[in-house]
C-alpha atoms as a PDB file:
ATOM      1  CA  MET A   1     -16.471 -29.691 -22.789  1.00  0.00           C
ATOM      2  CA  ILE A   2     -18.436 -26.735 -24.173  1.00  0.00           C
ATOM      3  CA  GLY A   3     -17.759 -27.865 -27.744  1.00  0.00           C
ATOM      4  CA  LEU A   4     -18.995 -31.396 -27.041  1.00  0.00           C
ATOM      5  CA  ILE A   5     -22.196 -30.249 -25.339  1.00  0.00           C
ATOM      6  CA  LEU A   6     -22.954 -27.766 -28.129  1.00  0.00           C
ATOM      7  CA  ALA A   7     -22.301 -30.431 -30.776  1.00  0.00           C
ATOM      8  CA  ILE A   8     -24.542 -32.962 -29.021  1.00  0.00           C
ATOM      9  CA  ILE A   9     -27.382 -30.455 -28.778  1.00  0.00           C
ATOM     10  CA  LEU A  10     -26.952 -29.218 -32.360  1.00  0.00           C
ATOM     11  CA  PHE A  11     -26.622 -32.628 -34.022  1.00  0.00           C
ATOM     12  CA  ASN A  12     -29.522 -34.138 -32.072  1.00  0.00           C
ATOM     13  CA  PHE A  13     -31.716 -31.138 -32.842  1.00  0.00           C
ATOM     14  CA  ILE A  14     -30.938 -31.368 -36.565  1.00  0.00           C
ATOM     15  CA  ALA A  15     -31.333 -35.154 -36.639  1.00  0.00           C
ATOM     16  CA  PHE A  16     -34.773 -35.187 -35.063  1.00  0.00           C
ATOM     17  CA  LYS A  17     -36.077 -31.920 -36.538  1.00  0.00           C
ATOM     18  CA  THR A  18     -35.199 -32.816 -40.141  1.00  0.00           C
ATOM     19  CA  ASN A  19     -36.057 -36.518 -39.975  1.00  0.00           C
ATOM     20  CA  ARG A  20     -38.327 -37.438 -42.873  1.00  0.00           C
ATOM     21  CA  ARG A  21     -37.229 -40.997 -43.515  1.00  0.00           C
ATOM     22  CA  HIS A  22     -36.605 -42.862 -40.290  1.00  0.00           C
ATOM     23  CA  THR A  23     -39.181 -44.765 -38.303  1.00  0.00           C
ATOM     24  CA  GLN A  24     -38.788 -45.051 -34.550  1.00  0.00           C
ATOM     25  CA  ASN A  25     -37.599 -48.604 -35.123  1.00  0.00           C
ATOM     26  CA  SER A  26     -34.909 -47.573 -37.597  1.00  0.00           C
ATOM     27  CA  ILE A  27     -33.804 -44.718 -35.304  1.00  0.00           C
ATOM     28  CA  LEU A  28     -33.332 -47.221 -32.485  1.00  0.00           C
ATOM     29  CA  HIS A  29     -31.384 -49.524 -34.803  1.00  0.00           C
ATOM     30  CA  ILE A  30     -29.176 -46.698 -36.090  1.00  0.00           C
ATOM     31  CA  TRP A  31     -28.383 -45.559 -32.542  1.00  0.00           C
ATOM     32  CA  LEU A  32     -27.635 -49.020 -31.164  1.00  0.00           C
ATOM     33  CA  PHE A  33     -25.612 -50.061 -34.219  1.00  0.00           C
ATOM     34  CA  THR A  34     -23.607 -46.829 -34.098  1.00  0.00           C
ATOM     35  CA  ILE A  35     -22.872 -47.093 -30.396  1.00  0.00           C
ATOM     36  CA  ALA A  36     -21.905 -50.786 -30.620  1.00  0.00           C
ATOM     37  CA  PHE A  37     -19.791 -50.362 -33.750  1.00  0.00           C
ATOM     38  CA  GLN A  38     -18.028 -47.268 -32.430  1.00  0.00           C
ATOM     39  CA  LEU A  39     -17.326 -48.833 -29.045  1.00  0.00           C
ATOM     40  CA  ILE A  40     -15.891 -51.969 -30.651  1.00  0.00           C
ATOM     41  CA  PHE A  41     -13.616 -49.893 -32.882  1.00  0.00           C
ATOM     42  CA  ASP A  42     -12.667 -47.437 -30.152  1.00  0.00           C
ATOM     43  CA  THR A  43     -11.896 -50.213 -27.677  1.00  0.00           C
ATOM     44  CA  MET A  44      -8.993 -51.169 -29.888  1.00  0.00           C
ATOM     45  CA  ILE A  45      -7.816 -47.868 -31.369  1.00  0.00           C
ATOM     46  CA  GLU A  46      -8.569 -45.596 -28.420  1.00  0.00           C
ATOM     47  CA  PHE A  47      -8.105 -47.720 -25.333  1.00  0.00           C
ATOM     48  CA  LYS A  48      -5.665 -50.440 -26.368  1.00  0.00           C
ATOM     49  CA  TYR A  49      -3.406 -48.610 -28.836  1.00  0.00           C
ATOM     50  CA  HIS A  50      -4.027 -44.981 -27.726  1.00  0.00           C
ATOM     51  CA  GLY A  51      -4.420 -43.769 -31.314  1.00  0.00           C
ATOM     52  CA  TYR A  52      -6.802 -41.042 -30.168  1.00  0.00           C
ATOM     53  CA  TRP A  53      -8.977 -40.269 -27.164  1.00  0.00           C
ATOM     54  CA  TYR A  54     -11.709 -38.040 -25.855  1.00  0.00           C
ATOM     55  CA  PHE A  55     -10.685 -35.743 -22.978  1.00  0.00           C
ATOM     56  CA  ASP A  56      -8.032 -38.063 -21.496  1.00  0.00           C
ATOM     57  CA  LYS A  57      -6.476 -41.434 -22.260  1.00  0.00           C
ATOM     58  CA  GLU A  58      -8.454 -43.346 -19.662  1.00  0.00           C
ATOM     59  CA  VAL A  59     -12.060 -44.516 -19.778  1.00  0.00           C
ATOM     60  CA  ASP A  60     -14.132 -41.652 -18.384  1.00  0.00           C
ATOM     61  CA  TRP A  61     -17.719 -40.485 -18.146  1.00  0.00           C
ATOM     62  CA  LEU A  62     -17.230 -37.463 -20.400  1.00  0.00           C
ATOM     63  CA  GLY A  63     -15.881 -39.671 -23.169  1.00  0.00           C
ATOM     64  CA  LEU A  64     -18.989 -41.791 -22.839  1.00  0.00           C
ATOM     65  CA  LEU A  65     -21.057 -38.763 -23.917  1.00  0.00           C
ATOM     66  CA  ALA A  66     -19.120 -38.597 -27.165  1.00  0.00           C
ATOM     67  CA  HIS A  67     -19.530 -42.337 -27.745  1.00  0.00           C
ATOM     68  CA  THR A  68     -23.281 -42.446 -27.093  1.00  0.00           C
ATOM     69  CA  LEU A  69     -24.831 -39.053 -27.890  1.00  0.00           C
ATOM     70  CA  LEU A  70     -22.652 -37.480 -30.591  1.00  0.00           C
ATOM     71  CA  ILE A  71     -22.179 -39.933 -33.466  1.00  0.00           C
ATOM     72  CA  PRO A  72     -25.656 -41.583 -33.643  1.00  0.00           C
ATOM     73  CA  PRO A  73     -27.482 -38.359 -34.614  1.00  0.00           C
ATOM     74  CA  VAL A  74     -24.782 -37.625 -37.195  1.00  0.00           C
ATOM     75  CA  ASN A  75     -25.459 -41.030 -38.740  1.00  0.00           C
ATOM     76  CA  MET A  76     -29.197 -40.279 -38.688  1.00  0.00           C
ATOM     77  CA  ILE A  77     -28.589 -37.027 -40.572  1.00  0.00           C
ATOM     78  CA  PHE A  78     -26.291 -38.755 -43.067  1.00  0.00           C
ATOM     79  CA  LEU A  79     -28.842 -41.484 -43.776  1.00  0.00           C
ATOM     80  CA  ASN A  80     -31.807 -39.111 -43.834  1.00  0.00           C
ATOM     81  CA  TRP A  81     -30.511 -37.333 -46.936  1.00  0.00           C
ATOM     82  CA  TYR A  82     -28.503 -40.166 -48.455  1.00  0.00           C
ATOM     83  CA  PRO A  83     -29.683 -40.763 -52.052  1.00  0.00           C
ATOM     84  CA  LEU A  84     -30.602 -44.438 -51.614  1.00  0.00           C
ATOM     85  CA  GLN A  85     -32.106 -44.643 -55.110  1.00  0.00           C
ATOM     86  CA  GLY A  86     -29.678 -42.172 -56.691  1.00  0.00           C
ATOM     87  CA  ARG A  87     -27.035 -42.871 -59.263  1.00  0.00           C
ATOM     88  CA  LEU A  88     -23.722 -44.259 -58.106  1.00  0.00           C
ATOM     89  CA  ARG A  89     -22.042 -40.942 -58.875  1.00  0.00           C
ATOM     90  CA  SER A  90     -24.430 -39.003 -56.632  1.00  0.00           C
ATOM     91  CA  ARG A  91     -24.041 -41.530 -53.799  1.00  0.00           C
ATOM     92  CA  ILE A  92     -20.229 -41.336 -54.015  1.00  0.00           C
ATOM     93  CA  LEU A  93     -20.267 -37.531 -54.194  1.00  0.00           C
ATOM     94  CA  TYR A  94     -22.654 -37.323 -51.215  1.00  0.00           C
ATOM     95  CA  THR A  95     -20.378 -39.599 -49.182  1.00  0.00           C
ATOM     96  CA  LEU A  96     -17.243 -37.656 -50.123  1.00  0.00           C
ATOM     97  CA  ILE A  97     -18.886 -34.374 -49.112  1.00  0.00           C
ATOM     98  CA  TRP A  98     -19.732 -35.915 -45.764  1.00  0.00           C
ATOM     99  CA  VAL A  99     -16.195 -37.213 -45.300  1.00  0.00           C
ATOM    100  CA  ALA A 100     -14.868 -33.702 -45.961  1.00  0.00           C
ATOM    101  CA  ALA A 101     -17.376 -32.229 -43.494  1.00  0.00           C
ATOM    102  CA  ILE A 102     -16.423 -34.775 -40.838  1.00  0.00           C
ATOM    103  CA  MET A 103     -12.745 -34.006 -41.372  1.00  0.00           C
ATOM    104  CA  GLY A 104     -13.499 -30.308 -40.870  1.00  0.00           C
ATOM    105  CA  TYR A 105     -15.464 -31.051 -37.724  1.00  0.00           C
ATOM    106  CA  GLU A 106     -12.673 -33.293 -36.440  1.00  0.00           C
ATOM    107  CA  LEU A 107     -10.244 -30.398 -36.828  1.00  0.00           C
ATOM    108  CA  LEU A 108     -12.558 -28.283 -34.663  1.00  0.00           C
ATOM    109  CA  THR A 109     -12.611 -30.951 -31.968  1.00  0.00           C
ATOM    110  CA  LEU A 110      -8.820 -30.717 -31.763  1.00  0.00           C
ATOM    111  CA  LEU A 111      -9.036 -27.138 -30.490  1.00  0.00           C
ATOM    112  CA  PRO A 112      -7.907 -26.585 -26.906  1.00  0.00           C
ATOM    113  CA  GLU A 113     -10.464 -27.022 -24.147  1.00  0.00           C
ATOM    114  CA  PRO A 114     -13.154 -25.900 -23.427  1.00  0.00           C
ATOM    115  CA  TRP A 115     -14.071 -26.015 -27.159  1.00  0.00           C
ATOM    116  CA  GLY A 116     -12.093 -29.080 -28.168  1.00  0.00           C
ATOM    117  CA  TYR A 117     -12.276 -32.488 -26.594  1.00  0.00           C
ATOM    118  CA  PHE A 118     -10.508 -34.849 -29.009  1.00  0.00           C
ATOM    119  CA  HIS A 119      -6.802 -35.674 -29.006  1.00  0.00           C
ATOM    120  CA  TYR A 120      -4.508 -37.576 -31.358  1.00  0.00           C
ATOM    121  CA  GLY A 121      -1.919 -40.115 -30.347  1.00  0.00           C
ATOM    122  CA  TRP A 122      -0.451 -41.735 -33.456  1.00  0.00           C
ATOM    123  CA  TRP A 123      -3.761 -41.339 -35.334  1.00  0.00           C
ATOM    124  CA  ASN A 124      -4.109 -38.481 -37.811  1.00  0.00           C
ATOM    125  CA  LEU A 125      -6.752 -36.876 -39.986  1.00  0.00           C
ATOM    126  CA  TRP A 126      -5.725 -38.828 -43.087  1.00  0.00           C
ATOM    127  CA  TYR A 127      -6.464 -42.162 -41.421  1.00  0.00           C
ATOM    128  CA  ALA A 128      -9.985 -40.920 -40.800  1.00  0.00           C
ATOM    129  CA  ALA A 129     -10.269 -39.685 -44.404  1.00  0.00           C
ATOM    130  CA  ILE A 130      -9.397 -43.149 -45.673  1.00  0.00           C
ATOM    131  CA  LEU A 131     -11.511 -45.057 -43.160  1.00  0.00           C
ATOM    132  CA  ASP A 132     -14.696 -42.933 -43.078  1.00  0.00           C
ATOM    133  CA  PRO A 133     -16.012 -43.929 -46.539  1.00  0.00           C
ATOM    134  CA  PHE A 134     -15.799 -47.591 -45.528  1.00  0.00           C
ATOM    135  CA  LEU A 135     -17.594 -46.866 -42.252  1.00  0.00           C
ATOM    136  CA  PHE A 136     -20.330 -45.033 -44.157  1.00  0.00           C
ATOM    137  CA  TYR A 137     -20.605 -47.989 -46.548  1.00  0.00           C
ATOM    138  CA  ILE A 138     -21.099 -50.381 -43.607  1.00  0.00           C
ATOM    139  CA  LEU A 139     -23.702 -48.021 -42.137  1.00  0.00           C
ATOM    140  CA  ILE A 140     -25.574 -47.822 -45.455  1.00  0.00           C
ATOM    141  CA  LYS A 141     -25.597 -51.612 -45.833  1.00  0.00           C
ATOM    142  CA  PHE A 142     -26.899 -51.977 -42.279  1.00  0.00           C
ATOM    143  CA  TYR A 143     -29.592 -49.370 -42.892  1.00  0.00           C
ATOM    144  CA  ARG A 144     -30.717 -51.057 -46.123  1.00  0.00           C
ATOM    145  CA  TRP A 145     -30.954 -54.339 -44.226  1.00  0.00           C
ATOM    146  CA  ILE A 146     -33.068 -52.737 -41.478  1.00  0.00           C
ATOM    147  CA  ARG A 147     -35.363 -51.187 -44.097  1.00  0.00           C
ATOM    148  CA  SER A 148     -35.800 -54.541 -45.829  1.00  0.00           C
ATOM    149  CA  LEU A 149     -36.699 -56.141 -42.497  1.00  0.00           C
ATOM    150  CA  GLU A 150     -39.230 -53.385 -41.796  1.00  0.00           C
ATOM    151  CA  GLU A 151     -40.837 -53.913 -45.211  1.00  0.00           C
ATOM    152  CA  ARG A 152     -41.322 -57.603 -44.456  1.00  0.00           C
ATOM    153  CA  ILE A 153     -43.235 -56.847 -41.270  1.00  0.00           C
END
């Protein structure tokens, strides 16, 4: 529990303190997209197939904190510094660095409570390593779409 609360505070602080790119509209879109996308994915992997879970295997209020307040600011930070106009090589390298950082953070969340709050069923770190670049790609495409809509307004 302590690890989750510290992570929520730290990631939200960094996301909002370092924000130089996002409008209030795009922040709202990033948050809602992240929450919806994560809940859709986690409904299957976490709740139906018990691949992983937060705190315990059942739906609980503490797990809701991780679903709604932890990942959206991380996506804000990722997008804030993402080289949208950069070369393909720099965009791939940036994404791979983030995947490595997320894998490191995920290892920390596996620590025993009160610091850790994440648990594996059949899921493992390598599944996340393979899946995360695709999730970042979807996030980037969504963000580019939101930016194009904002430019039209």
